[in-house]
Amino acid sequence: MAQSKPGRRVKSLYNPPSLVFKQALSLAYHGWITRWAGLPGWMLKGKKVLATAAGATAIGCTGYPYHVVWEVTTRCNLDCIHCYASSVDSTQAELSTAEGKQLLEQIALLEEFRMIVITGGEPLLRKDIFELVEYAGKLGFHIIFSTNGILLTPDMAKDLARLGVANFSISLDGYTRECHESIRRKSGCFQSAIDGIKAAAQTGVCLQVNFTAMQQNLAELPGLIDLAELLKVDIIMVFQAVPPRQERGALELDAEEQMRLIKTIAEKQKKTRALIIPVCSPEYWPWLVEHRRSFFNRSIQRKTLSGCGAGSGFSYVRFDGDVWPCNFIPLSAGNIRRTAFPDIWNNSALLQEFSDQPRRLKGTCGECSHQRICGGCRGRAFAHTKDPFAADPACLLSH
């Protein structure tokens, strides 16, 4: 794992030519194996996608390795059935404005982190959110602003883009009002989300839609992708619901549904101009390699695909300063109120276990020849077994 370099700050939002080339190769790889040959349509607007990638040179579970997701609040104006964040008022435990700025400074000390995702809850419920975004922008971060879109107005979106937001990430869990609102549990939130997406689109920065696949909305995915095309979305991230043990049966996809999911993504990617990235489905990449007659050998696959990034290229900072390997793995590697983020990242025994390559995985994941480009979903393994290094119980490759 890279060592921190005290005093160093990222000075530019533009990547060195060598990194841009590696990013383009990595993203183009996805295009080749999903379309057999040639570049997919989203490469024509690759400048925005590459800016969002912020130096990533391999496609992982979340699309962009080496980034931090900061949950600035758990307060929300929705009550989604699949949300892993509590909707209770977390104001008293949230990092203060000063603590938030200190966190951003500490993350900026680490050369590998040039992207940060600001999320919640609903981040627009924080009164200091524009101040925090501005500070992150001044430190040189590529900022992904993750919101449900309800409160996002055209003026707000323009201000956030001016302050450094390179990507607006807005959730949409169906292409019909009935489906989206049954999951988000608020009347009128579908049209508000569409209005938020349109407001973000006016800024000209990268526009991303997040869809969380579950039993309730899997059939909506093709229509959602078509709707995203009409809205001129650049990236579609398809998450999977990874609920706690007691809620799994009501939401989680079974093996047959997971196969439908990845086949839908692969088929729709052939035609859509948006980049579709499955999250919590790292087996998607080796599945594509096996079923799309890849022109690239295993060595190049390992350089362009990185699988599950939990705790190795990705970490999650909770509203109270706890650092988790992933938002689906509620194990604390430390708290930034007691230990500086670079010390946690570089010295945490828990994160070291995640960063070891090859990881010491158990069962079928440990024996799998695709471990380096997949590794299974560590969050799903934890949800089922309470062991983040257990075999992914829902991996399609092992069924």
Protein backbone atom coordinates (compact mmCIF):
# COMPACT_ATOMS: atom_id res chain seq x y z
CA MET A 1 0.00 0.00 0.00
CA ALA A 2 1.32 3.44 -0.87
CA GLN A 3 2.89 5.44 1.92
CA SER A 4 1.69 8.93 2.78
CA LYS A 5 3.80 11.92 1.81
CA PRO A 6 3.46 14.59 4.52
CA GLY A 7 2.70 18.05 3.25
CA ARG A 8 1.84 16.94 -0.27
CA ARG A 9 -1.34 18.24 -1.87
CA VAL A 10 -2.95 17.34 -5.15
CA LYS A 11 -2.43 20.47 -7.22
CA SER A 12 -4.57 19.91 -10.30
CA LEU A 13 -7.82 18.39 -11.45
CA TYR A 14 -6.06 17.15 -14.60
CA ASN A 15 -4.26 13.82 -14.77
CA PRO A 16 -0.75 13.31 -16.15
CA PRO A 17 -0.82 11.96 -19.73
CA SER A 18 0.45 8.55 -18.61
CA LEU A 19 -2.44 8.13 -16.18
CA VAL A 20 -4.97 9.34 -18.72
CA PHE A 21 -3.69 6.69 -21.14
CA LYS A 22 -3.96 3.96 -18.52
CA GLN A 23 -7.47 5.09 -17.62
CA ALA A 24 -8.51 5.13 -21.26
CA LEU A 25 -7.08 1.61 -21.71
CA SER A 26 -8.93 0.37 -18.65
CA LEU A 27 -12.24 1.88 -19.66
CA ALA A 28 -11.82 0.86 -23.29
CA TYR A 29 -11.23 -2.71 -22.12
CA HIS A 30 -14.76 -2.75 -20.80
CA GLY A 31 -15.94 -1.60 -24.20
CA TRP A 32 -14.07 -4.32 -26.06
CA ILE A 33 -15.33 -7.21 -24.00
CA THR A 34 -18.92 -5.97 -24.00
CA ARG A 35 -19.03 -5.10 -27.70
CA TRP A 36 -16.56 -7.69 -29.02
CA ALA A 37 -14.61 -5.02 -30.92
CA GLY A 38 -14.54 -1.25 -31.28
CA LEU A 39 -15.21 1.46 -28.72
CA PRO A 40 -18.60 1.88 -27.05
CA GLY A 41 -20.55 5.10 -27.45
CA TRP A 42 -19.69 6.45 -24.01
CA MET A 43 -16.04 6.81 -25.05
CA LEU A 44 -17.11 9.67 -27.31
CA LYS A 45 -17.74 11.69 -24.15
CA GLY A 46 -14.82 10.12 -22.33
CA LYS A 47 -13.39 13.44 -21.09
CA LYS A 48 -16.09 13.75 -18.45
CA VAL A 49 -15.83 10.07 -17.52
CA LEU A 50 -12.03 10.26 -17.21
CA ALA A 51 -12.31 13.39 -15.07
CA THR A 52 -14.61 11.49 -12.73
CA ALA A 53 -12.19 8.56 -12.62
CA ALA A 54 -9.58 10.89 -11.10
CA GLY A 55 -6.54 8.82 -11.89
CA ALA A 56 -8.03 5.35 -11.58
CA THR A 57 -6.13 2.92 -13.79
CA ALA A 58 -8.29 -0.15 -13.26
CA ILE A 59 -12.01 -0.83 -13.18
CA GLY A 60 -13.06 -2.27 -9.84
CA CYS A 61 -16.28 -3.16 -8.11
CA THR A 62 -17.16 0.51 -7.73
CA GLY A 63 -15.59 1.58 -11.00
CA TYR A 64 -12.90 3.83 -9.58
CA PRO A 65 -10.28 2.39 -7.23
CA TYR A 66 -8.54 4.60 -4.69
CA HIS A 67 -11.23 6.88 -3.42
CA VAL A 68 -12.90 7.74 -0.15
CA VAL A 69 -16.63 7.93 0.40
CA TRP A 70 -17.51 10.34 3.19
CA GLU A 71 -20.97 9.95 4.69
CA VAL A 72 -21.36 13.53 5.89
CA THR A 73 -24.70 12.82 7.57
CA THR A 74 -27.24 10.06 8.07
CA ARG A 75 -30.12 12.55 8.11
CA CYS A 76 -32.35 12.12 5.11
CA ASN A 77 -35.63 13.33 3.66
CA LEU A 78 -36.48 9.82 2.42
CA ASP A 79 -36.95 6.43 4.08
CA CYS A 80 -35.68 3.94 1.50
CA ILE A 81 -36.32 0.25 2.13
CA HIS A 82 -32.74 -0.75 1.24
CA CYS A 83 -30.73 2.02 2.89
CA TYR A 84 -27.77 0.93 5.04
CA ALA A 85 -27.58 4.37 6.71
CA SER A 86 -29.95 5.18 9.54
CA SER A 87 -32.43 7.98 8.93
CA VAL A 88 -32.27 9.11 12.55
CA ASP A 89 -30.96 12.59 13.34
CA SER A 90 -27.18 12.21 13.61
CA THR A 91 -26.43 15.91 14.12
CA GLN A 92 -24.88 15.50 17.56
CA ALA A 93 -22.39 12.86 16.41
CA GLU A 94 -21.55 14.29 12.97
CA LEU A 95 -18.10 15.63 12.27
CA SER A 96 -18.15 19.38 12.70
CA THR A 97 -17.20 21.76 9.90
CA ALA A 98 -13.69 22.07 11.35
CA GLU A 99 -13.37 18.29 11.76
CA GLY A 100 -14.61 17.77 8.22
CA LYS A 101 -12.01 20.15 6.81
CA GLN A 102 -9.32 18.43 8.83
CA LEU A 103 -10.43 15.08 7.42
CA LEU A 104 -10.19 16.45 3.88
CA GLU A 105 -6.69 17.79 4.58
CA GLN A 106 -5.60 14.41 5.91
CA ILE A 107 -6.97 12.50 2.91
CA ALA A 108 -5.19 14.95 0.59
CA LEU A 109 -1.87 13.93 2.18
CA LEU A 110 -2.22 10.56 0.47
CA GLU A 111 -1.17 10.80 -3.16
CA GLU A 112 -3.37 7.94 -4.32
CA PHE A 113 -6.60 9.64 -3.20
CA ARG A 114 -7.63 12.27 -5.70
CA MET A 115 -11.33 11.51 -5.65
CA ILE A 116 -13.82 11.86 -2.84
CA VAL A 117 -17.50 10.95 -2.82
CA ILE A 118 -19.65 13.14 -0.60
CA THR A 119 -22.79 11.28 0.38
CA GLY A 120 -25.30 10.72 3.16
CA GLY A 121 -28.13 10.37 4.12
CA GLU A 122 -28.81 13.48 2.12
CA PRO A 123 -25.74 15.78 2.09
CA LEU A 124 -27.80 18.85 1.18
CA LEU A 125 -29.33 18.70 4.67
CA ARG A 126 -26.01 19.89 6.12
CA LYS A 127 -25.97 23.68 6.40
CA ASP A 128 -22.21 23.77 5.80
CA ILE A 129 -22.21 21.48 2.76
CA PHE A 130 -21.21 24.20 0.28
CA GLU A 131 -18.36 25.25 2.55
CA LEU A 132 -17.11 21.66 2.76
CA VAL A 133 -17.39 21.12 -1.00
CA GLU A 134 -15.52 24.35 -1.65
CA TYR A 135 -12.74 23.29 0.71
CA ALA A 136 -12.44 19.88 -0.97
CA GLY A 137 -12.28 21.59 -4.35
CA LYS A 138 -9.48 23.90 -3.20
CA LEU A 139 -7.49 20.85 -2.07
CA GLY A 140 -7.70 19.56 -5.63
CA PHE A 141 -10.13 16.69 -5.18
CA HIS A 142 -12.36 15.41 -7.95
CA ILE A 143 -15.68 15.48 -6.10
CA ILE A 144 -18.59 13.14 -6.69
CA PHE A 145 -21.70 14.59 -5.06
CA SER A 146 -24.16 11.82 -4.24
CA THR A 147 -27.73 12.96 -3.61
CA ASN A 148 -31.30 11.77 -4.01
CA GLY A 149 -31.87 14.86 -6.15
CA ILE A 150 -34.99 16.08 -4.38
CA LEU A 151 -33.46 19.31 -3.07
CA LEU A 152 -31.12 19.97 -5.99
CA THR A 153 -32.10 23.10 -7.93
CA PRO A 154 -30.38 24.42 -11.08
CA ASP A 155 -28.75 27.21 -9.08
CA MET A 156 -27.49 24.80 -6.43
CA ALA A 157 -26.07 22.49 -9.09
CA LYS A 158 -24.26 25.37 -10.81
CA ASP A 159 -22.79 26.52 -7.49
CA LEU A 160 -21.61 23.01 -6.61
CA ALA A 161 -20.02 22.54 -10.04
CA ARG A 162 -18.27 25.89 -9.69
CA LEU A 163 -16.89 24.80 -6.31
CA GLY A 164 -15.35 21.61 -7.68
CA VAL A 165 -18.02 18.93 -8.18
CA ALA A 166 -16.95 16.83 -11.18
CA ASN A 167 -19.84 14.36 -11.00
CA PHE A 168 -23.42 14.51 -9.78
CA SER A 169 -24.51 11.06 -8.61
CA ILE A 170 -28.29 10.83 -8.28
CA SER A 171 -30.32 7.80 -7.23
CA LEU A 172 -33.18 6.44 -9.33
CA ASP A 173 -34.57 3.04 -8.40
CA GLY A 174 -37.02 2.59 -11.24
CA TYR A 175 -38.09 4.11 -14.51
CA THR A 176 -41.69 4.33 -13.33
CA ARG A 177 -42.98 6.61 -10.61
CA GLU A 178 -44.75 3.72 -8.88
CA CYS A 179 -41.60 1.61 -8.52
CA HIS A 180 -39.26 4.41 -7.45
CA GLU A 181 -41.68 5.81 -4.88
CA SER A 182 -42.56 2.40 -3.43
CA ILE A 183 -38.85 1.92 -2.67
CA ARG A 184 -38.11 5.49 -1.57
CA ARG A 185 -41.37 5.72 0.38
CA LYS A 186 -42.24 9.32 -0.41
CA SER A 187 -44.95 10.55 -2.74
CA GLY A 188 -43.71 12.88 -5.45
CA CYS A 189 -40.02 11.98 -5.05
CA PHE A 190 -39.76 10.47 -8.56
CA GLN A 191 -40.44 13.71 -10.39
CA SER A 192 -38.25 15.59 -7.90
CA ALA A 193 -35.37 13.20 -8.68
CA ILE A 194 -35.89 13.68 -12.42
CA ASP A 195 -35.86 17.45 -11.92
CA GLY A 196 -32.63 17.10 -9.92
CA ILE A 197 -31.04 15.06 -12.71
CA LYS A 198 -32.02 17.70 -15.26
CA ALA A 199 -30.61 20.44 -13.02
CA ALA A 200 -27.31 18.56 -12.75
CA ALA A 201 -27.22 17.97 -16.51
CA GLN A 202 -27.31 21.73 -17.13
CA THR A 203 -23.91 22.13 -15.47
CA GLY A 204 -22.12 20.07 -18.14
CA VAL A 205 -20.17 17.97 -15.63
CA CYS A 206 -20.35 14.17 -15.51
CA LEU A 207 -23.85 12.94 -14.73
CA GLN A 208 -24.32 9.61 -12.97
CA VAL A 209 -27.47 7.71 -12.03
CA ASN A 210 -27.39 5.08 -9.28
CA PHE A 211 -29.79 2.14 -9.37
CA THR A 212 -29.97 -0.39 -6.54
CA ALA A 213 -31.13 -3.75 -7.88
CA MET A 214 -33.41 -5.81 -5.65
CA GLN A 215 -36.30 -8.19 -6.08
CA GLN A 216 -38.74 -5.28 -6.15
CA ASN A 217 -37.24 -3.50 -9.16
CA LEU A 218 -35.04 -5.87 -11.18
CA ALA A 219 -37.55 -5.88 -14.05
CA GLU A 220 -37.25 -2.08 -14.22
CA LEU A 221 -33.53 -2.05 -15.08
CA PRO A 222 -33.84 -2.13 -18.91
CA GLY A 223 -36.32 0.74 -18.83
CA LEU A 224 -34.18 2.63 -16.33
CA ILE A 225 -31.18 2.40 -18.68
CA ASP A 226 -33.32 3.65 -21.57
CA LEU A 227 -34.57 6.54 -19.43
CA ALA A 228 -31.00 7.41 -18.45
CA GLU A 229 -30.15 7.56 -22.16
CA LEU A 230 -32.95 10.07 -22.74
CA LEU A 231 -31.63 12.14 -19.82
CA LYS A 232 -28.12 12.05 -21.38
CA VAL A 233 -26.59 10.34 -18.37
CA ASP A 234 -22.85 9.54 -18.64
CA ILE A 235 -22.54 6.74 -16.05
CA ILE A 236 -25.06 4.27 -14.66
CA MET A 237 -23.97 2.49 -11.49
CA VAL A 238 -25.99 -0.63 -10.78
CA PHE A 239 -25.69 -1.49 -7.09
CA GLN A 240 -27.13 -4.53 -5.39
CA ALA A 241 -29.02 -4.48 -2.14
CA VAL A 242 -26.80 -6.00 0.55
CA PRO A 243 -29.16 -5.91 3.51
CA PRO A 244 -28.57 -7.13 7.07
CA ARG A 245 -29.13 -10.80 7.81
CA GLN A 246 -32.67 -10.32 9.12
CA GLU A 247 -33.81 -8.48 5.94
CA ARG A 248 -32.04 -10.51 3.24
CA GLY A 249 -34.96 -12.57 2.00
CA ALA A 250 -37.13 -9.54 1.25
CA LEU A 251 -34.63 -7.70 -0.95
CA GLU A 252 -31.58 -9.69 -2.01
CA LEU A 253 -31.36 -11.18 -5.49
CA ASP A 254 -31.09 -14.94 -5.77
CA ALA A 255 -28.64 -16.65 -8.16
CA GLU A 256 -31.06 -16.68 -11.10
CA GLU A 257 -31.91 -13.01 -10.59
CA GLN A 258 -28.22 -12.12 -10.38
CA MET A 259 -27.63 -13.81 -13.72
CA ARG A 260 -30.48 -11.80 -15.21
CA LEU A 261 -28.89 -8.68 -13.79
CA ILE A 262 -25.44 -9.13 -15.30
CA LYS A 263 -26.81 -10.34 -18.64
CA THR A 264 -29.01 -7.26 -18.81
CA ILE A 265 -26.03 -5.00 -18.10
CA ALA A 266 -23.87 -6.73 -20.70
CA GLU A 267 -26.55 -6.60 -23.38
CA LYS A 268 -27.58 -3.01 -22.73
CA GLN A 269 -23.94 -1.86 -22.69
CA LYS A 270 -23.65 -2.93 -26.34
CA LYS A 271 -25.99 -0.12 -27.36
CA THR A 272 -26.13 2.50 -24.64
CA ARG A 273 -23.87 5.54 -24.72
CA ALA A 274 -23.62 5.55 -20.92
CA LEU A 275 -20.97 3.54 -19.09
CA ILE A 276 -22.74 0.90 -16.98
CA ILE A 277 -20.82 -0.25 -13.92
CA PRO A 278 -22.10 -3.06 -11.67
CA VAL A 279 -21.37 -2.61 -7.96
CA CYS A 280 -21.34 -5.54 -5.51
CA SER A 281 -20.96 -7.75 -8.59
CA PRO A 282 -17.19 -8.14 -9.11
CA GLU A 283 -17.79 -11.48 -10.82
CA TYR A 284 -19.27 -9.52 -13.73
CA TRP A 285 -15.79 -8.86 -15.11
CA PRO A 286 -14.50 -12.47 -15.26
CA TRP A 287 -17.92 -13.53 -16.51
CA LEU A 288 -17.53 -11.08 -19.40
CA VAL A 289 -13.99 -12.31 -20.07
CA GLU A 290 -15.27 -15.88 -20.36
CA HIS A 291 -18.35 -15.08 -22.42
CA ARG A 292 -17.22 -12.24 -24.68
CA ARG A 293 -14.09 -13.75 -26.29
CA SER A 294 -11.74 -11.17 -24.86
CA PHE A 295 -8.81 -10.14 -27.06
CA PHE A 296 -6.71 -9.41 -23.96
CA ASN A 297 -4.62 -11.94 -22.08
CA ARG A 298 -4.70 -12.58 -18.33
CA SER A 299 -1.82 -10.17 -17.67
CA ILE A 300 -3.69 -7.23 -19.20
CA GLN A 301 -6.88 -8.30 -17.45
CA ARG A 302 -5.10 -7.98 -14.10
CA LYS A 303 -3.91 -4.48 -15.01
CA THR A 304 -7.29 -3.22 -16.14
CA LEU A 305 -9.68 -5.03 -13.78
CA SER A 306 -9.27 -4.91 -10.02
CA GLY A 307 -12.40 -6.53 -8.59
CA CYS A 308 -13.63 -5.79 -5.08
CA GLY A 309 -11.82 -2.72 -3.75
CA ALA A 310 -13.06 -2.86 -0.15
CA GLY A 311 -10.33 -1.66 2.19
CA SER A 312 -7.66 -1.69 -0.50
CA GLY A 313 -8.50 1.02 -3.02
CA PHE A 314 -11.63 2.22 -1.29
CA SER A 315 -12.68 3.18 2.22
CA TYR A 316 -15.80 4.57 3.81
CA VAL A 317 -15.77 7.33 6.43
CA ARG A 318 -18.88 7.37 8.58
CA PHE A 319 -20.64 10.52 9.77
CA ASP A 320 -19.01 10.10 13.21
CA GLY A 321 -15.46 9.60 11.85
CA ASP A 322 -15.31 5.79 11.90
CA VAL A 323 -13.39 4.35 8.94
CA TRP A 324 -14.83 1.19 7.40
CA PRO A 325 -13.40 -0.94 4.55
CA CYS A 326 -16.73 -0.54 2.73
CA ASN A 327 -20.18 0.81 3.50
CA PHE A 328 -21.41 -2.81 3.55
CA ILE A 329 -18.71 -3.94 6.02
CA PRO A 330 -19.41 -2.27 9.39
CA LEU A 331 -16.01 -3.01 10.92
CA SER A 332 -14.04 -0.06 12.24
CA ALA A 333 -10.40 0.35 11.22
CA GLY A 334 -10.15 3.42 13.47
CA ASN A 335 -11.76 6.78 14.04
CA ILE A 336 -10.37 10.03 12.65
CA ARG A 337 -11.26 11.84 15.89
CA ARG A 338 -8.54 9.76 17.57
CA THR A 339 -6.21 8.79 14.72
CA ALA A 340 -5.30 10.70 11.56
CA PHE A 341 -6.70 9.19 8.37
CA PRO A 342 -3.27 8.50 6.79
CA ASP A 343 -2.27 6.53 9.89
CA ILE A 344 -5.47 4.50 9.71
CA TRP A 345 -5.05 3.89 5.97
CA ASN A 346 -1.39 2.90 6.19
CA ASN A 347 -1.25 1.12 9.54
CA SER A 348 -4.63 -0.42 10.33
CA ALA A 349 -4.31 -4.19 10.77
CA LEU A 350 -7.85 -4.60 9.40
CA LEU A 351 -7.17 -2.63 6.22
CA GLN A 352 -3.86 -4.45 5.80
CA GLU A 353 -5.77 -7.73 5.61
CA PHE A 354 -7.88 -6.27 2.80
CA SER A 355 -4.90 -4.85 0.91
CA ASP A 356 -2.79 -8.01 0.97
CA GLN A 357 -2.55 -9.47 -2.53
CA PRO A 358 -3.60 -12.08 -3.10
CA ARG A 359 -6.09 -11.77 -0.29
CA ARG A 360 -6.35 -14.69 2.10
CA LEU A 361 -9.87 -15.57 1.08
CA LYS A 362 -11.69 -18.71 2.13
CA GLY A 363 -13.65 -21.38 0.33
CA THR A 364 -14.38 -21.07 -3.37
CA CYS A 365 -13.16 -17.44 -3.53
CA GLY A 366 -9.77 -18.47 -2.17
CA GLU A 367 -9.47 -21.25 -4.73
CA CYS A 368 -10.77 -19.26 -7.71
CA SER A 369 -8.42 -18.47 -10.61
CA HIS A 370 -10.19 -15.10 -11.00
CA GLN A 371 -9.37 -13.89 -7.50
CA ARG A 372 -7.16 -10.99 -8.65
CA ILE A 373 -9.77 -9.53 -10.98
CA CYS A 374 -12.79 -10.37 -8.84
CA GLY A 375 -12.32 -11.60 -5.27
CA GLY A 376 -16.05 -11.83 -4.64
CA CYS A 377 -18.17 -9.21 -2.90
CA ARG A 378 -16.69 -8.84 0.56
CA GLY A 379 -19.77 -6.96 1.76
CA ARG A 380 -22.08 -9.78 0.72
CA ALA A 381 -19.79 -12.33 2.36
CA PHE A 382 -19.90 -10.32 5.60
CA ALA A 383 -23.69 -9.94 5.46
CA HIS A 384 -24.11 -13.70 5.24
CA THR A 385 -21.34 -14.96 7.52
CA LYS A 386 -19.99 -11.99 9.56
CA ASP A 387 -16.62 -12.88 8.06
CA PRO A 388 -15.48 -10.42 5.34
CA PHE A 389 -13.01 -12.98 3.95
CA ALA A 390 -15.46 -15.85 3.58
CA ALA A 391 -16.55 -17.07 0.16
CA ASP A 392 -19.08 -14.89 -1.61
CA PRO A 393 -22.22 -17.02 -1.19
CA ALA A 394 -23.89 -15.55 -4.26
CA CYS A 395 -21.00 -15.69 -6.73
CA LEU A 396 -22.23 -16.79 -10.14
CA LEU A 397 -18.87 -18.27 -11.10
CA SER A 398 -19.07 -20.90 -8.37
CA HIS A 399 -22.69 -21.93 -9.01
